[in-house]
Amino acid sequence: MIAALRGKVLFRGINRLVLDVQGVGYDVAVTLSALESLQDNGDVFLHVYTALRENNLELYGFVDRAEKLLFEMLLTVNGIGPRTALTILSGISPTGFQKAILEGNVHTLTSIPGVGRKSAERMVLELKQKVSKMGLPGASAPERSAAATLHDDLISSLVNLGYKERIATDVAQRVIQGASPDATLSQAVRVALKELMK
């Protein structure tokens, strides 16, 4: 089982990358936050979860140990597989997810793309006790404002779609200023793309 990898980034895609480890290319699925934080130059390190699916071996990589712990915890929830768990963690920070579970905040969880009310309620029910015992690194740090997090996530999404960071930053600032307090990332991306089409 592969638990960690260190190497150079050969290729970036949407939610995945190819990591060159001593001449061997590993295809690793990653969260948006991990993809944004990794450098193209120099060595990068990933905590890895290895999933065996039928005859297929899939690797899921995390920059943050806390993110990997939450990923593994999500897999214990009925109906959530590795790809769904990765999507969930791409839509919220580890601390934000922990806080939502502990507070039973279904609204925050359903704002994550692909998470319905039943799934959110099931996560709260099945994970609340586990998360309370977890003691995530950085859990006691002050949470960033929702607008600041949405702003950064929107820039990351636009850059991943091929827009230059300067343009993505300008558009994201305008979109966030006019967005409602409970706007989701998917809503913000749609508004930003309309702005860019003008």
N, C-alpha and C. Protein backbone atom coordinates (compact mmCIF):
# COMPACT_ATOMS: atom_id res chain seq x y z
N MET A 1 0.83 -1.19 0.00
CA MET A 1 0.00 0.00 0.00
C MET A 1 0.88 1.25 0.00
N ILE A 2 0.54 2.23 -0.85
CA ILE A 2 1.28 3.48 -0.92
C ILE A 2 0.67 4.46 0.08
N ALA A 3 1.48 4.94 1.02
CA ALA A 3 0.99 5.86 2.06
C ALA A 3 1.46 7.29 1.85
N ALA A 4 2.52 7.48 1.06
CA ALA A 4 3.04 8.83 0.81
C ALA A 4 3.90 8.81 -0.45
N LEU A 5 4.00 9.97 -1.10
CA LEU A 5 4.83 10.11 -2.29
C LEU A 5 5.55 11.45 -2.25
N ARG A 6 6.81 11.44 -2.73
CA ARG A 6 7.56 12.69 -2.88
C ARG A 6 8.15 12.70 -4.28
N GLY A 7 7.91 13.77 -5.02
CA GLY A 7 8.44 13.86 -6.37
C GLY A 7 8.12 15.18 -7.02
N LYS A 8 8.27 15.24 -8.35
CA LYS A 8 8.03 16.47 -9.11
C LYS A 8 6.72 16.35 -9.89
N VAL A 9 6.00 17.46 -9.99
CA VAL A 9 4.74 17.48 -10.74
C VAL A 9 5.04 17.52 -12.23
N LEU A 10 4.55 16.49 -12.95
CA LEU A 10 4.74 16.43 -14.40
C LEU A 10 3.55 17.02 -15.14
N PHE A 11 2.35 16.84 -14.56
CA PHE A 11 1.12 17.25 -15.25
C PHE A 11 0.05 17.59 -14.23
N ARG A 12 -0.71 18.63 -14.52
CA ARG A 12 -1.85 19.02 -13.68
C ARG A 12 -3.12 18.93 -14.50
N GLY A 13 -4.16 18.36 -13.92
CA GLY A 13 -5.47 18.35 -14.54
C GLY A 13 -6.47 18.89 -13.53
N ILE A 14 -7.74 18.71 -13.79
CA ILE A 14 -8.76 19.13 -12.84
C ILE A 14 -8.86 18.04 -11.77
N ASN A 15 -8.47 18.39 -10.57
CA ASN A 15 -8.51 17.47 -9.42
C ASN A 15 -7.58 16.27 -9.55
N ARG A 16 -6.53 16.39 -10.37
CA ARG A 16 -5.56 15.29 -10.41
C ARG A 16 -4.23 15.80 -10.95
N LEU A 17 -3.19 15.02 -10.68
CA LEU A 17 -1.87 15.36 -11.21
C LEU A 17 -1.07 14.08 -11.40
N VAL A 18 0.00 14.21 -12.17
CA VAL A 18 0.94 13.10 -12.34
C VAL A 18 2.23 13.50 -11.64
N LEU A 19 2.66 12.68 -10.69
CA LEU A 19 3.84 12.95 -9.89
C LEU A 19 4.97 12.02 -10.32
N ASP A 20 6.10 12.61 -10.69
CA ASP A 20 7.29 11.83 -11.09
C ASP A 20 8.09 11.50 -9.83
N VAL A 21 8.10 10.22 -9.47
CA VAL A 21 8.87 9.76 -8.32
C VAL A 21 9.99 8.85 -8.82
N GLN A 22 11.19 9.39 -8.93
CA GLN A 22 12.37 8.65 -9.40
C GLN A 22 12.10 7.94 -10.74
N GLY A 23 11.50 8.68 -11.68
CA GLY A 23 11.28 8.15 -13.02
C GLY A 23 9.98 7.42 -13.22
N VAL A 24 9.20 7.23 -12.16
CA VAL A 24 7.89 6.57 -12.28
C VAL A 24 6.80 7.61 -12.10
N GLY A 25 5.86 7.68 -13.05
CA GLY A 25 4.78 8.65 -12.98
C GLY A 25 3.56 8.08 -12.27
N TYR A 26 3.16 8.70 -11.17
CA TYR A 26 1.99 8.26 -10.41
C TYR A 26 0.83 9.21 -10.68
N ASP A 27 -0.30 8.68 -11.13
CA ASP A 27 -1.50 9.45 -11.37
C ASP A 27 -2.26 9.54 -10.04
N VAL A 28 -2.36 10.75 -9.48
CA VAL A 28 -2.94 10.93 -8.15
C VAL A 28 -4.11 11.92 -8.21
N ALA A 29 -5.26 11.51 -7.69
CA ALA A 29 -6.39 12.42 -7.57
C ALA A 29 -6.19 13.27 -6.32
N VAL A 30 -6.42 14.59 -6.44
CA VAL A 30 -6.18 15.50 -5.32
C VAL A 30 -7.34 16.49 -5.20
N THR A 31 -7.43 17.15 -4.05
CA THR A 31 -8.44 18.18 -3.86
C THR A 31 -8.00 19.46 -4.56
N LEU A 32 -8.95 20.38 -4.78
CA LEU A 32 -8.62 21.65 -5.41
C LEU A 32 -7.61 22.44 -4.59
N SER A 33 -7.76 22.40 -3.26
CA SER A 33 -6.84 23.14 -2.39
C SER A 33 -5.43 22.58 -2.50
N ALA A 34 -5.32 21.26 -2.59
CA ALA A 34 -3.99 20.64 -2.74
C ALA A 34 -3.38 21.03 -4.08
N LEU A 35 -4.19 20.99 -5.13
CA LEU A 35 -3.71 21.32 -6.47
C LEU A 35 -3.19 22.74 -6.53
N GLU A 36 -3.90 23.65 -5.85
CA GLU A 36 -3.52 25.06 -5.85
C GLU A 36 -2.23 25.30 -5.07
N SER A 37 -2.03 24.55 -4.00
CA SER A 37 -0.88 24.82 -3.12
C SER A 37 0.42 24.19 -3.60
N LEU A 38 0.34 23.20 -4.48
CA LEU A 38 1.55 22.51 -4.93
C LEU A 38 2.30 23.31 -5.98
N GLN A 39 3.62 23.33 -5.86
CA GLN A 39 4.48 24.05 -6.80
C GLN A 39 4.85 23.15 -7.98
N ASP A 40 5.04 23.78 -9.14
CA ASP A 40 5.48 23.03 -10.32
C ASP A 40 6.96 22.70 -10.25
N ASN A 41 7.73 23.58 -9.57
CA ASN A 41 9.18 23.38 -9.48
C ASN A 41 9.54 22.81 -8.11
N GLY A 42 10.53 21.93 -8.08
CA GLY A 42 10.97 21.34 -6.82
C GLY A 42 10.11 20.15 -6.41
N ASP A 43 10.54 19.50 -5.36
CA ASP A 43 9.83 18.32 -4.87
C ASP A 43 8.58 18.72 -4.10
N VAL A 44 7.54 17.89 -4.25
CA VAL A 44 6.32 18.06 -3.45
C VAL A 44 6.07 16.76 -2.70
N PHE A 45 5.39 16.87 -1.58
CA PHE A 45 5.09 15.70 -0.75
C PHE A 45 3.59 15.56 -0.59
N LEU A 46 3.10 14.34 -0.75
CA LEU A 46 1.68 14.06 -0.60
C LEU A 46 1.45 12.89 0.36
N HIS A 47 0.51 13.06 1.29
CA HIS A 47 -0.01 11.91 2.03
C HIS A 47 -0.95 11.20 1.07
N VAL A 48 -0.89 9.89 1.00
CA VAL A 48 -1.65 9.16 -0.02
C VAL A 48 -2.57 8.11 0.59
N TYR A 49 -3.78 8.05 0.04
CA TYR A 49 -4.72 6.97 0.37
C TYR A 49 -4.81 6.09 -0.87
N THR A 50 -4.57 4.78 -0.69
CA THR A 50 -4.63 3.83 -1.80
C THR A 50 -5.96 3.10 -1.78
N ALA A 51 -6.71 3.20 -2.89
CA ALA A 51 -8.02 2.55 -2.98
C ALA A 51 -7.98 1.47 -4.05
N LEU A 52 -8.41 0.28 -3.67
CA LEU A 52 -8.53 -0.82 -4.62
C LEU A 52 -9.97 -0.93 -5.06
N ARG A 53 -10.23 -0.70 -6.35
CA ARG A 53 -11.58 -0.77 -6.89
C ARG A 53 -11.59 -1.83 -7.98
N GLU A 54 -12.17 -2.99 -7.67
CA GLU A 54 -12.18 -4.14 -8.57
C GLU A 54 -10.72 -4.45 -8.95
N ASN A 55 -10.37 -4.29 -10.24
CA ASN A 55 -8.99 -4.56 -10.64
C ASN A 55 -8.19 -3.28 -10.82
N ASN A 56 -8.71 -2.18 -10.29
CA ASN A 56 -8.09 -0.89 -10.51
C ASN A 56 -7.52 -0.33 -9.20
N LEU A 57 -6.31 0.23 -9.28
CA LEU A 57 -5.66 0.85 -8.13
C LEU A 57 -5.74 2.36 -8.30
N GLU A 58 -6.35 3.06 -7.33
CA GLU A 58 -6.48 4.51 -7.42
C GLU A 58 -5.78 5.17 -6.23
N LEU A 59 -5.07 6.26 -6.52
CA LEU A 59 -4.34 6.99 -5.48
C LEU A 59 -5.00 8.35 -5.26
N TYR A 60 -5.17 8.69 -3.98
CA TYR A 60 -5.75 9.98 -3.59
C TYR A 60 -4.72 10.69 -2.71
N GLY A 61 -4.32 11.90 -3.12
CA GLY A 61 -3.25 12.60 -2.42
C GLY A 61 -3.71 13.83 -1.67
N PHE A 62 -3.03 14.11 -0.54
CA PHE A 62 -3.39 15.24 0.33
C PHE A 62 -2.12 15.92 0.84
N VAL A 63 -2.09 17.25 0.76
CA VAL A 63 -0.98 18.01 1.30
C VAL A 63 -1.05 18.02 2.81
N ASP A 64 -2.27 18.10 3.32
CA ASP A 64 -2.53 18.23 4.76
C ASP A 64 -2.93 16.87 5.34
N ARG A 65 -2.27 16.47 6.41
CA ARG A 65 -2.59 15.20 7.09
C ARG A 65 -4.04 15.20 7.58
N ALA A 66 -4.53 16.35 8.04
CA ALA A 66 -5.90 16.45 8.53
C ALA A 66 -6.90 16.15 7.43
N GLU A 67 -6.59 16.60 6.21
CA GLU A 67 -7.48 16.35 5.08
C GLU A 67 -7.57 14.86 4.78
N LYS A 68 -6.44 14.16 4.88
CA LYS A 68 -6.45 12.71 4.64
C LYS A 68 -7.27 12.00 5.72
N LEU A 69 -7.14 12.43 6.97
CA LEU A 69 -7.90 11.81 8.06
C LEU A 69 -9.40 11.97 7.84
N LEU A 70 -9.80 13.17 7.41
CA LEU A 70 -11.22 13.40 7.15
C LEU A 70 -11.70 12.59 5.94
N PHE A 71 -10.83 12.46 4.94
CA PHE A 71 -11.16 11.66 3.76
C PHE A 71 -11.45 10.21 4.18
N GLU A 72 -10.57 9.66 5.00
CA GLU A 72 -10.76 8.29 5.47
C GLU A 72 -12.03 8.16 6.32
N MET A 73 -12.31 9.20 7.09
CA MET A 73 -13.51 9.19 7.91
C MET A 73 -14.78 9.22 7.04
N LEU A 74 -14.73 10.03 5.97
CA LEU A 74 -15.88 10.11 5.07
C LEU A 74 -16.19 8.77 4.41
N LEU A 75 -15.15 7.98 4.18
CA LEU A 75 -15.35 6.68 3.54
C LEU A 75 -16.13 5.71 4.42
N THR A 76 -16.21 6.00 5.72
CA THR A 76 -16.97 5.14 6.63
C THR A 76 -18.47 5.44 6.57
N VAL A 77 -18.83 6.55 5.94
CA VAL A 77 -20.24 6.93 5.83
C VAL A 77 -20.89 6.14 4.72
N ASN A 78 -22.03 5.56 4.99
CA ASN A 78 -22.76 4.75 4.02
C ASN A 78 -23.07 5.57 2.76
N GLY A 79 -22.68 5.05 1.61
CA GLY A 79 -22.99 5.71 0.34
C GLY A 79 -21.92 6.67 -0.16
N ILE A 80 -20.85 6.88 0.60
CA ILE A 80 -19.79 7.80 0.17
C ILE A 80 -18.54 7.00 -0.19
N GLY A 81 -18.14 7.11 -1.46
CA GLY A 81 -16.93 6.45 -1.94
C GLY A 81 -15.80 7.46 -2.05
N PRO A 82 -14.63 7.01 -2.50
CA PRO A 82 -13.46 7.89 -2.59
C PRO A 82 -13.67 9.13 -3.44
N ARG A 83 -14.31 8.99 -4.59
CA ARG A 83 -14.48 10.14 -5.47
C ARG A 83 -15.43 11.17 -4.88
N THR A 84 -16.49 10.70 -4.25
CA THR A 84 -17.42 11.62 -3.59
C THR A 84 -16.74 12.31 -2.42
N ALA A 85 -15.96 11.56 -1.65
CA ALA A 85 -15.24 12.14 -0.50
C ALA A 85 -14.27 13.22 -0.97
N LEU A 86 -13.60 12.98 -2.10
CA LEU A 86 -12.67 13.97 -2.64
C LEU A 86 -13.41 15.24 -3.07
N THR A 87 -14.57 15.06 -3.69
CA THR A 87 -15.39 16.20 -4.12
C THR A 87 -15.82 17.04 -2.92
N ILE A 88 -16.22 16.36 -1.85
CA ILE A 88 -16.64 17.05 -0.63
C ILE A 88 -15.50 17.89 -0.07
N LEU A 89 -14.30 17.31 0.01
CA LEU A 89 -13.17 18.02 0.59
C LEU A 89 -12.60 19.09 -0.36
N SER A 90 -12.99 19.03 -1.64
CA SER A 90 -12.62 20.10 -2.57
C SER A 90 -13.51 21.31 -2.37
N GLY A 91 -14.67 21.09 -1.73
CA GLY A 91 -15.64 22.17 -1.57
C GLY A 91 -15.61 22.85 -0.22
N ILE A 92 -14.75 22.38 0.70
CA ILE A 92 -14.72 22.97 2.04
C ILE A 92 -13.37 22.64 2.70
N SER A 93 -12.89 23.54 3.55
CA SER A 93 -11.61 23.29 4.23
C SER A 93 -11.80 22.22 5.32
N PRO A 94 -10.73 21.54 5.74
CA PRO A 94 -10.85 20.55 6.81
C PRO A 94 -11.47 21.13 8.08
N THR A 95 -11.04 22.35 8.46
CA THR A 95 -11.58 22.97 9.66
C THR A 95 -13.05 23.33 9.47
N GLY A 96 -13.38 23.84 8.28
CA GLY A 96 -14.77 24.19 7.99
C GLY A 96 -15.67 22.97 8.02
N PHE A 97 -15.17 21.85 7.51
CA PHE A 97 -15.95 20.62 7.51
C PHE A 97 -16.17 20.13 8.94
N GLN A 98 -15.10 20.15 9.71
CA GLN A 98 -15.20 19.70 11.11
C GLN A 98 -16.23 20.55 11.86
N LYS A 99 -16.15 21.85 11.66
CA LYS A 99 -17.07 22.76 12.35
C LYS A 99 -18.52 22.49 11.94
N ALA A 100 -18.74 22.27 10.65
CA ALA A 100 -20.10 22.00 10.16
C ALA A 100 -20.66 20.71 10.75
N ILE A 101 -19.81 19.69 10.86
CA ILE A 101 -20.26 18.42 11.44
C ILE A 101 -20.58 18.59 12.92
N LEU A 102 -19.70 19.24 13.67
CA LEU A 102 -19.90 19.40 15.11
C LEU A 102 -21.13 20.24 15.42
N GLU A 103 -21.41 21.24 14.56
CA GLU A 103 -22.56 22.12 14.78
C GLU A 103 -23.83 21.58 14.14
N GLY A 104 -23.71 20.47 13.40
CA GLY A 104 -24.87 19.92 12.70
C GLY A 104 -25.38 20.87 11.63
N ASN A 105 -24.47 21.61 11.01
CA ASN A 105 -24.84 22.63 10.04
C ASN A 105 -25.08 22.00 8.66
N VAL A 106 -26.28 21.53 8.46
CA VAL A 106 -26.65 20.86 7.20
C VAL A 106 -26.59 21.85 6.04
N HIS A 107 -26.94 23.11 6.30
CA HIS A 107 -26.94 24.12 5.24
C HIS A 107 -25.55 24.28 4.63
N THR A 108 -24.52 24.35 5.47
CA THR A 108 -23.14 24.47 4.98
C THR A 108 -22.75 23.25 4.16
N LEU A 109 -23.12 22.07 4.64
CA LEU A 109 -22.75 20.83 3.94
C LEU A 109 -23.47 20.70 2.60
N THR A 110 -24.73 21.12 2.53
CA THR A 110 -25.46 21.02 1.26
C THR A 110 -25.02 22.08 0.26
N SER A 111 -24.26 23.08 0.71
CA SER A 111 -23.72 24.08 -0.23
C SER A 111 -22.54 23.52 -1.01
N ILE A 112 -22.01 22.38 -0.58
CA ILE A 112 -20.93 21.71 -1.30
C ILE A 112 -21.53 21.02 -2.53
N PRO A 113 -20.99 21.25 -3.73
CA PRO A 113 -21.53 20.62 -4.92
C PRO A 113 -21.61 19.09 -4.79
N GLY A 114 -22.77 18.53 -5.11
CA GLY A 114 -22.95 17.08 -5.08
C GLY A 114 -23.45 16.52 -3.76
N VAL A 115 -23.62 17.38 -2.74
CA VAL A 115 -24.09 16.91 -1.44
C VAL A 115 -25.55 17.32 -1.24
N GLY A 116 -26.43 16.33 -1.15
CA GLY A 116 -27.85 16.59 -0.90
C GLY A 116 -28.14 16.61 0.59
N ARG A 117 -29.39 16.94 0.92
CA ARG A 117 -29.76 17.05 2.34
C ARG A 117 -29.62 15.71 3.07
N LYS A 118 -30.05 14.62 2.44
CA LYS A 118 -29.97 13.31 3.11
C LYS A 118 -28.52 12.92 3.38
N SER A 119 -27.65 13.17 2.40
CA SER A 119 -26.23 12.86 2.58
C SER A 119 -25.63 13.70 3.69
N ALA A 120 -26.00 14.98 3.73
CA ALA A 120 -25.48 15.88 4.76
C ALA A 120 -25.93 15.42 6.15
N GLU A 121 -27.20 15.07 6.27
CA GLU A 121 -27.72 14.62 7.57
C GLU A 121 -27.05 13.32 8.00
N ARG A 122 -26.78 12.43 7.03
CA ARG A 122 -26.13 11.17 7.34
C ARG A 122 -24.70 11.41 7.82
N MET A 123 -24.01 12.36 7.17
CA MET A 123 -22.63 12.68 7.59
C MET A 123 -22.61 13.21 9.02
N VAL A 124 -23.54 14.10 9.34
CA VAL A 124 -23.60 14.66 10.69
C VAL A 124 -23.86 13.55 11.70
N LEU A 125 -24.82 12.69 11.39
CA LEU A 125 -25.20 11.61 12.30
C LEU A 125 -24.06 10.63 12.54
N GLU A 126 -23.37 10.23 11.45
CA GLU A 126 -22.36 9.18 11.55
C GLU A 126 -20.96 9.69 11.94
N LEU A 127 -20.71 10.99 11.73
CA LEU A 127 -19.35 11.49 11.95
C LEU A 127 -19.19 12.40 13.16
N LYS A 128 -20.28 12.88 13.73
CA LYS A 128 -20.18 13.88 14.81
C LYS A 128 -19.31 13.39 15.96
N GLN A 129 -19.54 12.18 16.42
CA GLN A 129 -18.77 11.66 17.55
C GLN A 129 -17.31 11.45 17.17
N LYS A 130 -17.07 10.94 15.95
CA LYS A 130 -15.70 10.69 15.50
C LYS A 130 -14.92 11.99 15.36
N VAL A 131 -15.56 13.01 14.76
CA VAL A 131 -14.89 14.29 14.55
C VAL A 131 -14.59 14.98 15.89
N SER A 132 -15.50 14.84 16.85
CA SER A 132 -15.28 15.47 18.16
C SER A 132 -14.06 14.90 18.87
N LYS A 133 -13.71 13.65 18.56
CA LYS A 133 -12.54 13.01 19.19
C LYS A 133 -11.26 13.21 18.38
N MET A 134 -11.41 13.80 17.22
CA MET A 134 -10.32 13.81 16.26
C MET A 134 -9.20 14.80 16.61
N GLY A 135 -9.56 15.98 17.05
CA GLY A 135 -8.54 16.98 17.37
C GLY A 135 -7.71 17.33 16.16
N LEU A 136 -8.36 17.83 15.12
CA LEU A 136 -7.65 18.17 13.89
C LEU A 136 -6.59 19.24 14.11
N PRO A 137 -5.42 19.11 13.49
CA PRO A 137 -4.42 20.18 13.58
C PRO A 137 -5.02 21.47 13.02
N GLY A 138 -4.88 22.54 13.77
CA GLY A 138 -5.39 23.83 13.31
C GLY A 138 -6.87 24.03 13.57
N ALA A 139 -7.53 23.07 14.23
CA ALA A 139 -8.96 23.21 14.46
C ALA A 139 -9.28 24.37 15.37
N SER A 140 -8.35 24.73 16.25
CA SER A 140 -8.61 25.82 17.17
C SER A 140 -8.29 27.19 16.58
N ALA A 141 -7.70 27.20 15.39
CA ALA A 141 -7.38 28.47 14.75
C ALA A 141 -8.65 29.15 14.28
N PRO A 142 -8.67 30.48 14.24
CA PRO A 142 -9.86 31.17 13.80
C PRO A 142 -10.19 30.84 12.36
N GLU A 143 -11.45 30.57 12.08
CA GLU A 143 -11.90 30.20 10.74
C GLU A 143 -11.92 31.44 9.84
N ARG A 144 -11.48 31.30 8.63
CA ARG A 144 -11.53 32.42 7.70
C ARG A 144 -12.97 32.72 7.37
N SER A 145 -13.25 33.96 6.99
CA SER A 145 -14.62 34.33 6.65
C SER A 145 -15.05 33.56 5.41
N ALA A 146 -16.37 33.34 5.30
CA ALA A 146 -16.89 32.59 4.16
C ALA A 146 -16.58 33.31 2.86
N ALA A 147 -16.66 34.66 2.87
CA ALA A 147 -16.39 35.44 1.66
C ALA A 147 -14.94 35.29 1.22
N ALA A 148 -14.00 35.30 2.19
CA ALA A 148 -12.58 35.16 1.85
C ALA A 148 -12.29 33.78 1.28
N THR A 149 -12.89 32.76 1.87
CA THR A 149 -12.71 31.39 1.38
C THR A 149 -13.30 31.24 -0.02
N LEU A 150 -14.51 31.79 -0.22
CA LEU A 150 -15.17 31.71 -1.53
C LEU A 150 -14.35 32.45 -2.57
N HIS A 151 -13.79 33.59 -2.20
CA HIS A 151 -12.96 34.38 -3.11
C HIS A 151 -11.77 33.56 -3.60
N ASP A 152 -11.05 32.93 -2.65
CA ASP A 152 -9.87 32.13 -3.01
C ASP A 152 -10.24 30.91 -3.84
N ASP A 153 -11.35 30.24 -3.45
CA ASP A 153 -11.80 29.05 -4.18
C ASP A 153 -12.23 29.40 -5.61
N LEU A 154 -12.85 30.58 -5.75
CA LEU A 154 -13.29 31.02 -7.08
C LEU A 154 -12.10 31.30 -7.98
N ILE A 155 -11.08 31.97 -7.44
CA ILE A 155 -9.86 32.24 -8.22
C ILE A 155 -9.23 30.92 -8.66
N SER A 156 -9.14 29.97 -7.72
CA SER A 156 -8.54 28.67 -8.03
C SER A 156 -9.31 27.96 -9.14
N SER A 157 -10.65 27.99 -9.06
CA SER A 157 -11.48 27.32 -10.07
C SER A 157 -11.28 27.95 -11.45
N LEU A 158 -11.23 29.29 -11.50
CA LEU A 158 -11.06 29.97 -12.79
C LEU A 158 -9.68 29.71 -13.39
N VAL A 159 -8.65 29.68 -12.54
CA VAL A 159 -7.30 29.37 -13.02
C VAL A 159 -7.25 27.94 -13.57
N ASN A 160 -7.93 27.01 -12.87
CA ASN A 160 -7.98 25.62 -13.34
C ASN A 160 -8.72 25.50 -14.66
N LEU A 161 -9.62 26.46 -14.93
CA LEU A 161 -10.36 26.45 -16.20
C LEU A 161 -9.56 27.12 -17.33
N GLY A 162 -8.36 27.63 -16.98
CA GLY A 162 -7.48 28.17 -18.02
C GLY A 162 -7.32 29.68 -18.05
N TYR A 163 -7.99 30.41 -17.14
CA TYR A 163 -7.86 31.87 -17.11
C TYR A 163 -6.60 32.27 -16.34
N LYS A 164 -6.00 33.38 -16.77
CA LYS A 164 -4.81 33.88 -16.07
C LYS A 164 -5.20 34.34 -14.68
N GLU A 165 -4.26 34.20 -13.73
CA GLU A 165 -4.56 34.51 -12.33
C GLU A 165 -4.98 35.96 -12.14
N ARG A 166 -4.36 36.89 -12.87
CA ARG A 166 -4.70 38.30 -12.73
C ARG A 166 -6.16 38.56 -13.12
N ILE A 167 -6.57 37.96 -14.24
CA ILE A 167 -7.95 38.12 -14.72
C ILE A 167 -8.92 37.45 -13.74
N ALA A 168 -8.54 36.24 -13.29
CA ALA A 168 -9.40 35.50 -12.35
C ALA A 168 -9.58 36.28 -11.05
N THR A 169 -8.50 36.93 -10.58
CA THR A 169 -8.56 37.70 -9.33
C THR A 169 -9.49 38.90 -9.48
N ASP A 170 -9.37 39.62 -10.62
CA ASP A 170 -10.22 40.80 -10.85
C ASP A 170 -11.69 40.42 -10.91
N VAL A 171 -12.00 39.35 -11.65
CA VAL A 171 -13.39 38.92 -11.79
C VAL A 171 -13.93 38.42 -10.46
N ALA A 172 -13.11 37.64 -9.73
CA ALA A 172 -13.54 37.09 -8.44
C ALA A 172 -13.89 38.20 -7.46
N GLN A 173 -13.11 39.27 -7.47
CA GLN A 173 -13.37 40.38 -6.54
C GLN A 173 -14.72 41.02 -6.84
N ARG A 174 -15.03 41.22 -8.13
CA ARG A 174 -16.32 41.81 -8.51
C ARG A 174 -17.48 40.89 -8.16
N VAL A 175 -17.30 39.60 -8.41
CA VAL A 175 -18.37 38.63 -8.15
C VAL A 175 -18.66 38.54 -6.65
N ILE A 176 -17.62 38.46 -5.83
CA ILE A 176 -17.81 38.32 -4.38
C ILE A 176 -18.47 39.55 -3.79
N GLN A 177 -18.13 40.73 -4.31
CA GLN A 177 -18.74 41.98 -3.80
C GLN A 177 -20.25 41.99 -4.02
N GLY A 178 -20.69 41.39 -5.13
CA GLY A 178 -22.12 41.40 -5.42
C GLY A 178 -22.84 40.13 -5.02
N ALA A 179 -22.11 39.17 -4.42
CA ALA A 179 -22.72 37.87 -4.09
C ALA A 179 -23.47 37.94 -2.76
N SER A 180 -24.46 37.07 -2.62
CA SER A 180 -25.20 36.97 -1.36
C SER A 180 -24.32 36.24 -0.34
N PRO A 181 -24.57 36.43 0.97
CA PRO A 181 -23.73 35.81 2.01
C PRO A 181 -23.69 34.28 1.94
N ASP A 182 -24.76 33.67 1.42
CA ASP A 182 -24.80 32.20 1.37
C ASP A 182 -24.53 31.65 -0.03
N ALA A 183 -23.87 32.45 -0.87
CA ALA A 183 -23.55 31.99 -2.22
C ALA A 183 -22.60 30.81 -2.19
N THR A 184 -22.83 29.84 -3.08
CA THR A 184 -21.96 28.66 -3.15
C THR A 184 -20.89 28.88 -4.23
N LEU A 185 -19.88 28.03 -4.22
CA LEU A 185 -18.80 28.14 -5.21
C LEU A 185 -19.34 27.94 -6.62
N SER A 186 -20.23 26.96 -6.80
CA SER A 186 -20.76 26.69 -8.15
C SER A 186 -21.54 27.89 -8.67
N GLN A 187 -22.29 28.57 -7.80
CA GLN A 187 -23.03 29.77 -8.20
C GLN A 187 -22.06 30.88 -8.58
N ALA A 188 -21.02 31.05 -7.77
CA ALA A 188 -20.03 32.10 -8.04
C ALA A 188 -19.30 31.85 -9.35
N VAL A 189 -18.98 30.58 -9.64
CA VAL A 189 -18.30 30.25 -10.89
C VAL A 189 -19.18 30.59 -12.09
N ARG A 190 -20.48 30.27 -11.98
CA ARG A 190 -21.40 30.58 -13.09
C ARG A 190 -21.46 32.09 -13.34
N VAL A 191 -21.56 32.89 -12.26
CA VAL A 191 -21.61 34.35 -12.40
C VAL A 191 -20.29 34.86 -13.01
N ALA A 192 -19.17 34.32 -12.54
CA ALA A 192 -17.86 34.76 -13.04
C ALA A 192 -17.71 34.45 -14.52
N LEU A 193 -18.17 33.29 -14.95
CA LEU A 193 -18.07 32.93 -16.38
C LEU A 193 -18.91 33.84 -17.24
N LYS A 194 -20.08 34.27 -16.71
CA LYS A 194 -20.92 35.23 -17.45
C LYS A 194 -20.19 36.57 -17.58
N GLU A 195 -19.51 36.97 -16.50
CA GLU A 195 -18.73 38.21 -16.52
C GLU A 195 -17.63 38.14 -17.59
N LEU A 196 -16.98 36.99 -17.63
CA LEU A 196 -15.86 36.82 -18.56
C LEU A 196 -16.33 36.76 -20.03
N MET A 197 -17.59 36.40 -20.24
CA MET A 197 -18.13 36.31 -21.61
C MET A 197 -18.52 37.68 -22.16
N LYS A 198 -18.64 38.69 -21.28
CA LYS A 198 -19.08 40.03 -21.73
C LYS A 198 -18.04 40.66 -22.65
